[in-house]
């Protein structure tokens, strides 16, 4: 299961550099995770200050 970034995202960018497969990119006001690339490691969730990345 891939992670998805919820509307709680504050676009701080803390998650993107932590992704080992570069699945996170800046979208329109929030960051987004490419489900095809996501390996479900949880690194993004561990580093998000507001807990926006959630396992689907």
PDB file of N, CA and C in Angstrom:
ATOM      1  N   UNK A   1       0.847  -1.190   0.000  1.00  0.00           N
ATOM      2  CA  UNK A   1       0.000   0.000   0.000  1.00  0.00           C
ATOM      3  C   UNK A   1       0.888   1.247   0.000  1.00  0.00           C
ATOM      4  N   UNK A   2       0.576   2.183  -0.826  1.00  0.00           N
ATOM      5  CA  UNK A   2       1.334   3.427  -0.918  1.00  0.00           C
ATOM      6  C   UNK A   2       0.837   4.425   0.123  1.00  0.00           C
ATOM      7  N   UNK A   3       1.682   5.376   0.423  1.00  0.00           N
ATOM      8  CA  UNK A   3       1.281   6.482   1.285  1.00  0.00           C
ATOM      9  C   UNK A   3       0.636   7.564   0.429  1.00  0.00           C
ATOM     10  N   UNK A   4      -0.203   8.357   1.054  1.00  0.00           N
ATOM     11  CA  UNK A   4      -0.834   9.501   0.394  1.00  0.00           C
ATOM     12  C   UNK A   4      -0.749  10.674   1.358  1.00  0.00           C
ATOM     13  N   UNK A   5      -0.505  11.855   0.827  1.00  0.00           N
ATOM     14  CA  UNK A   5      -0.413  13.049   1.666  1.00  0.00           C
ATOM     15  C   UNK A   5      -1.791  13.686   1.753  1.00  0.00           C
ATOM     16  N   UNK A   6      -2.250  13.872   2.985  1.00  0.00           N
ATOM     17  CA  UNK A   6      -3.586  14.418   3.221  1.00  0.00           C
ATOM     18  C   UNK A   6      -3.602  15.935   3.070  1.00  0.00           C
ATOM     19  N   UNK A   7      -4.779  16.494   3.206  1.00  0.00           N
ATOM     20  CA  UNK A   7      -4.960  17.949   3.115  1.00  0.00           C
ATOM     21  C   UNK A   7      -4.333  18.673   4.296  1.00  0.00           C
ATOM     22  N   UNK A   8      -3.839  17.923   5.274  1.00  0.00           N
ATOM     23  CA  UNK A   8      -3.156  18.524   6.427  1.00  0.00           C
ATOM     24  C   UNK A   8      -1.785  19.080   6.049  1.00  0.00           C
ATOM     25  N   UNK A   9      -1.302  18.744   4.859  1.00  0.00           N
ATOM     26  CA  UNK A   9       0.022  19.170   4.390  1.00  0.00           C
ATOM     27  C   UNK A   9       0.158  20.694   4.452  1.00  0.00           C
ATOM     28  N   UNK A  10       1.282  21.136   5.024  1.00  0.00           N
ATOM     29  CA  UNK A  10       1.554  22.572   5.102  1.00  0.00           C
ATOM     30  C   UNK A  10       2.644  22.982   4.101  1.00  0.00           C
ATOM     31  N   UNK A  11       2.990  22.071   3.186  1.00  0.00           N
ATOM     32  CA  UNK A  11       3.961  22.315   2.118  1.00  0.00           C
ATOM     33  C   UNK A  11       5.315  22.775   2.641  1.00  0.00           C
ATOM     34  N   UNK A  12       5.758  22.187   3.753  1.00  0.00           N
ATOM     35  CA  UNK A  12       7.051  22.567   4.325  1.00  0.00           C
ATOM     36  C   UNK A  12       8.213  21.895   3.614  1.00  0.00           C
ATOM     37  N   UNK A  13       7.944  20.755   2.950  1.00  0.00           N
ATOM     38  CA  UNK A  13       8.978  20.065   2.209  1.00  0.00           C
ATOM     39  C   UNK A  13       9.837  19.113   3.027  1.00  0.00           C
ATOM     40  N   UNK A  14       9.512  18.884   4.281  1.00  0.00           N
ATOM     41  CA  UNK A  14      10.313  18.001   5.132  1.00  0.00           C
ATOM     42  C   UNK A  14      10.299  16.554   4.641  1.00  0.00           C
ATOM     43  N   UNK A  15       9.252  16.149   3.973  1.00  0.00           N
ATOM     44  CA  UNK A  15       9.096  14.757   3.541  1.00  0.00           C
ATOM     45  C   UNK A  15       9.917  14.412   2.303  1.00  0.00           C
ATOM     46  N   UNK A  16       9.965  15.291   1.347  1.00  0.00           N
ATOM     47  CA  UNK A  16      10.561  14.984   0.040  1.00  0.00           C
ATOM     48  C   UNK A  16      12.005  14.491   0.104  1.00  0.00           C
ATOM     49  N   UNK A  17      12.898  15.153   0.831  1.00  0.00           N
ATOM     50  CA  UNK A  17      14.276  14.667   0.841  1.00  0.00           C
ATOM     51  C   UNK A  17      14.456  13.334   1.577  1.00  0.00           C
ATOM     52  N   UNK A  18      13.478  12.951   2.368  1.00  0.00           N
ATOM     53  CA  UNK A  18      13.568  11.700   3.117  1.00  0.00           C
ATOM     54  C   UNK A  18      13.142  10.484   2.300  1.00  0.00           C
ATOM     55  N   UNK A  19      12.480  10.697   1.178  1.00  0.00           N
ATOM     56  CA  UNK A  19      11.984   9.587   0.366  1.00  0.00           C
ATOM     57  C   UNK A  19      13.142   8.919  -0.393  1.00  0.00           C
ATOM     58  N   UNK A  20      13.405   7.628  -0.115  1.00  0.00           N
ATOM     59  CA  UNK A  20      14.535   6.967  -0.765  1.00  0.00           C
ATOM     60  C   UNK A  20      14.342   6.679  -2.254  1.00  0.00           C
ATOM     61  N   UNK A  21      13.103   6.759  -2.734  1.00  0.00           N
ATOM     62  CA  UNK A  21      12.840   6.485  -4.150  1.00  0.00           C
ATOM     63  C   UNK A  21      12.351   7.720  -4.904  1.00  0.00           C
ATOM     64  N   UNK A  22      12.464   8.886  -4.275  1.00  0.00           N
ATOM     65  CA  UNK A  22      12.081  10.163  -4.884  1.00  0.00           C
ATOM     66  C   UNK A  22      10.660  10.150  -5.426  1.00  0.00           C
ATOM     67  N   UNK A  23       9.734   9.638  -4.626  1.00  0.00           N
ATOM     68  CA  UNK A  23       8.329   9.544  -5.038  1.00  0.00           C
ATOM     69  C   UNK A  23       7.528  10.787  -4.676  1.00  0.00           C
ATOM     70  N   UNK A  24       8.122  11.715  -3.942  1.00  0.00           N
ATOM     71  CA  UNK A  24       7.395  12.895  -3.459  1.00  0.00           C
ATOM     72  C   UNK A  24       7.809  14.122  -4.245  1.00  0.00           C
ATOM     73  N   UNK A  25       6.807  14.834  -4.758  1.00  0.00           N
ATOM     74  CA  UNK A  25       7.060  16.069  -5.492  1.00  0.00           C
ATOM     75  C   UNK A  25       6.122  17.155  -4.982  1.00  0.00           C
ATOM     76  N   UNK A  26       6.496  18.394  -5.260  1.00  0.00           N
ATOM     77  CA  UNK A  26       5.655  19.514  -4.861  1.00  0.00           C
ATOM     78  C   UNK A  26       4.521  19.655  -5.864  1.00  0.00           C
ATOM     79  N   UNK A  27       3.293  19.633  -5.346  1.00  0.00           N
ATOM     80  CA  UNK A  27       2.127  19.797  -6.190  1.00  0.00           C
ATOM     81  C   UNK A  27       1.601  21.219  -6.092  1.00  0.00           C
ATOM     82  N   UNK A  28       0.325  21.386  -6.264  1.00  0.00           N
ATOM     83  CA  UNK A  28      -0.318  22.689  -6.216  1.00  0.00           C
ATOM     84  C   UNK A  28      -0.651  23.050  -4.772  1.00  0.00           C
ATOM     85  N   UNK A  29       0.324  23.604  -4.059  1.00  0.00           N
ATOM     86  CA  UNK A  29       0.119  24.024  -2.684  1.00  0.00           C
ATOM     87  C   UNK A  29       0.372  22.937  -1.653  1.00  0.00           C
ATOM     88  N   UNK A  30       0.503  21.699  -2.070  1.00  0.00           N
ATOM     89  CA  UNK A  30       0.815  20.593  -1.168  1.00  0.00           C
ATOM     90  C   UNK A  30       1.774  19.640  -1.891  1.00  0.00           C
ATOM     91  N   UNK A  31       2.371  18.753  -1.138  1.00  0.00           N
ATOM     92  CA  UNK A  31       3.237  17.741  -1.740  1.00  0.00           C
ATOM     93  C   UNK A  31       2.400  16.516  -2.078  1.00  0.00           C
ATOM     94  N   UNK A  32       2.843  15.769  -3.090  1.00  0.00           N
ATOM     95  CA  UNK A  32       2.116  14.575  -3.520  1.00  0.00           C
ATOM     96  C   UNK A  32       3.086  13.407  -3.646  1.00  0.00           C
ATOM     97  N   UNK A  33       2.541  12.202  -3.445  1.00  0.00           N
ATOM     98  CA  UNK A  33       3.336  10.983  -3.542  1.00  0.00           C
ATOM     99  C   UNK A  33       2.876  10.196  -4.761  1.00  0.00           C
ATOM    100  N   UNK A  34       3.835   9.804  -5.580  1.00  0.00           N
ATOM    101  CA  UNK A  34       3.553   8.965  -6.741  1.00  0.00           C
ATOM    102  C   UNK A  34       3.383   7.534  -6.234  1.00  0.00           C
ATOM    103  N   UNK A  35       2.163   7.029  -6.257  1.00  0.00           N
ATOM    104  CA  UNK A  35       1.853   5.698  -5.734  1.00  0.00           C
ATOM    105  C   UNK A  35       2.600   4.595  -6.471  1.00  0.00           C
ATOM    106  N   UNK A  36       2.953   4.839  -7.723  1.00  0.00           N
ATOM    107  CA  UNK A  36       3.685   3.846  -8.507  1.00  0.00           C
ATOM    108  C   UNK A  36       5.123   3.674  -7.998  1.00  0.00           C
ATOM    109  N   UNK A  37       5.702   4.758  -7.475  1.00  0.00           N
ATOM    110  CA  UNK A  37       7.076   4.727  -6.981  1.00  0.00           C
ATOM    111  C   UNK A  37       7.174   4.395  -5.492  1.00  0.00           C
ATOM    112  N   UNK A  38       6.149   4.722  -4.728  1.00  0.00           N
ATOM    113  CA  UNK A  38       6.174   4.571  -3.267  1.00  0.00           C
ATOM    114  C   UNK A  38       6.413   3.112  -2.876  1.00  0.00           C
ATOM    115  N   UNK A  39       7.371   2.911  -1.954  1.00  0.00           N
ATOM    116  CA  UNK A  39       7.680   1.558  -1.477  1.00  0.00           C
ATOM    117  C   UNK A  39       7.146   1.315  -0.064  1.00  0.00           C
ATOM    118  N   UNK A  40       6.304   2.210   0.427  1.00  0.00           N
ATOM    119  CA  UNK A  40       5.627   2.045   1.711  1.00  0.00           C
ATOM    120  C   UNK A  40       6.603   1.952   2.887  1.00  0.00           C
ATOM    121  N   UNK A  41       7.666   2.739   2.851  1.00  0.00           N
ATOM    122  CA  UNK A  41       8.670   2.667   3.920  1.00  0.00           C
ATOM    123  C   UNK A  41       8.307   3.513   5.132  1.00  0.00           C
ATOM    124  N   UNK A  42       7.500   4.566   4.934  1.00  0.00           N
ATOM    125  CA  UNK A  42       7.078   5.420   6.043  1.00  0.00           C
ATOM    126  C   UNK A  42       8.044   6.522   6.416  1.00  0.00           C
ATOM    127  N   UNK A  43       9.129   6.671   5.681  1.00  0.00           N
ATOM    128  CA  UNK A  43      10.099   7.722   5.998  1.00  0.00           C
ATOM    129  C   UNK A  43       9.456   9.107   5.939  1.00  0.00           C
ATOM    130  N   UNK A  44       8.553   9.311   5.004  1.00  0.00           N
ATOM    131  CA  UNK A  44       7.880  10.610   4.876  1.00  0.00           C
ATOM    132  C   UNK A  44       7.038  10.904   6.111  1.00  0.00           C
ATOM    133  N   UNK A  45       6.306   9.907   6.571  1.00  0.00           N
ATOM    134  CA  UNK A  45       5.435  10.084   7.742  1.00  0.00           C
ATOM    135  C   UNK A  45       6.257  10.343   9.001  1.00  0.00           C
ATOM    136  N   UNK A  46       7.401   9.684   9.104  1.00  0.00           N
ATOM    137  CA  UNK A  46       8.257   9.855  10.279  1.00  0.00           C
ATOM    138  C   UNK A  46       8.824  11.261  10.377  1.00  0.00           C
ATOM    139  N   UNK A  47       8.952  11.964   9.263  1.00  0.00           N
ATOM    140  CA  UNK A  47       9.570  13.285   9.247  1.00  0.00           C
ATOM    141  C   UNK A  47       8.594  14.440   9.084  1.00  0.00           C
ATOM    142  N   UNK A  48       7.320  14.159   8.929  1.00  0.00           N
ATOM    143  CA  UNK A  48       6.331  15.221   8.725  1.00  0.00           C
ATOM    144  C   UNK A  48       5.901  15.823  10.066  1.00  0.00           C
ATOM    145  N   UNK A  49       6.008  17.151  10.208  1.00  0.00           N
ATOM    146  CA  UNK A  49       5.638  17.783  11.478  1.00  0.00           C
ATOM    147  C   UNK A  49       4.132  17.792  11.760  1.00  0.00           C
ATOM    148  N   UNK A  50       3.313  17.565  10.735  1.00  0.00           N
ATOM    149  CA  UNK A  50       1.863  17.581  10.958  1.00  0.00           C
ATOM    150  C   UNK A  50       1.206  16.229  10.688  1.00  0.00           C
ATOM    151  N   UNK A  51       2.002  15.222  10.379  1.00  0.00           N
ATOM    152  CA  UNK A  51       1.465  13.877  10.147  1.00  0.00           C
ATOM    153  C   UNK A  51       0.599  13.745   8.906  1.00  0.00           C
ATOM    154  N   UNK A  52       0.921  14.495   7.865  1.00  0.00           N
ATOM    155  CA  UNK A  52       0.093  14.470   6.653  1.00  0.00           C
ATOM    156  C   UNK A  52       0.202  13.184   5.841  1.00  0.00           C
ATOM    157  N   UNK A  53       1.374  12.562   5.714  1.00  0.00           N
ATOM    158  CA  UNK A  53       1.429  11.308   4.952  1.00  0.00           C
ATOM    159  C   UNK A  53       0.746  10.173   5.735  1.00  0.00           C
ATOM    160  N   UNK A  54      -0.147   9.489   5.081  1.00  0.00           N
ATOM    161  CA  UNK A  54      -0.902   8.384   5.702  1.00  0.00           C
ATOM    162  C   UNK A  54      -0.834   7.170   4.786  1.00  0.00           C
ATOM    163  N   UNK A  55      -0.758   5.991   5.381  1.00  0.00           N
ATOM    164  CA  UNK A  55      -0.802   4.763   4.608  1.00  0.00           C
ATOM    165  C   UNK A  55      -2.220   4.573   4.094  1.00  0.00           C
ATOM    166  N   UNK A  56      -2.350   4.187   2.833  1.00  0.00           N
ATOM    167  CA  UNK A  56      -3.686   3.971   2.272  1.00  0.00           C
ATOM    168  C   UNK A  56      -4.091   2.541   2.469  1.00  0.00           C
TER     169      UNK A  56
END
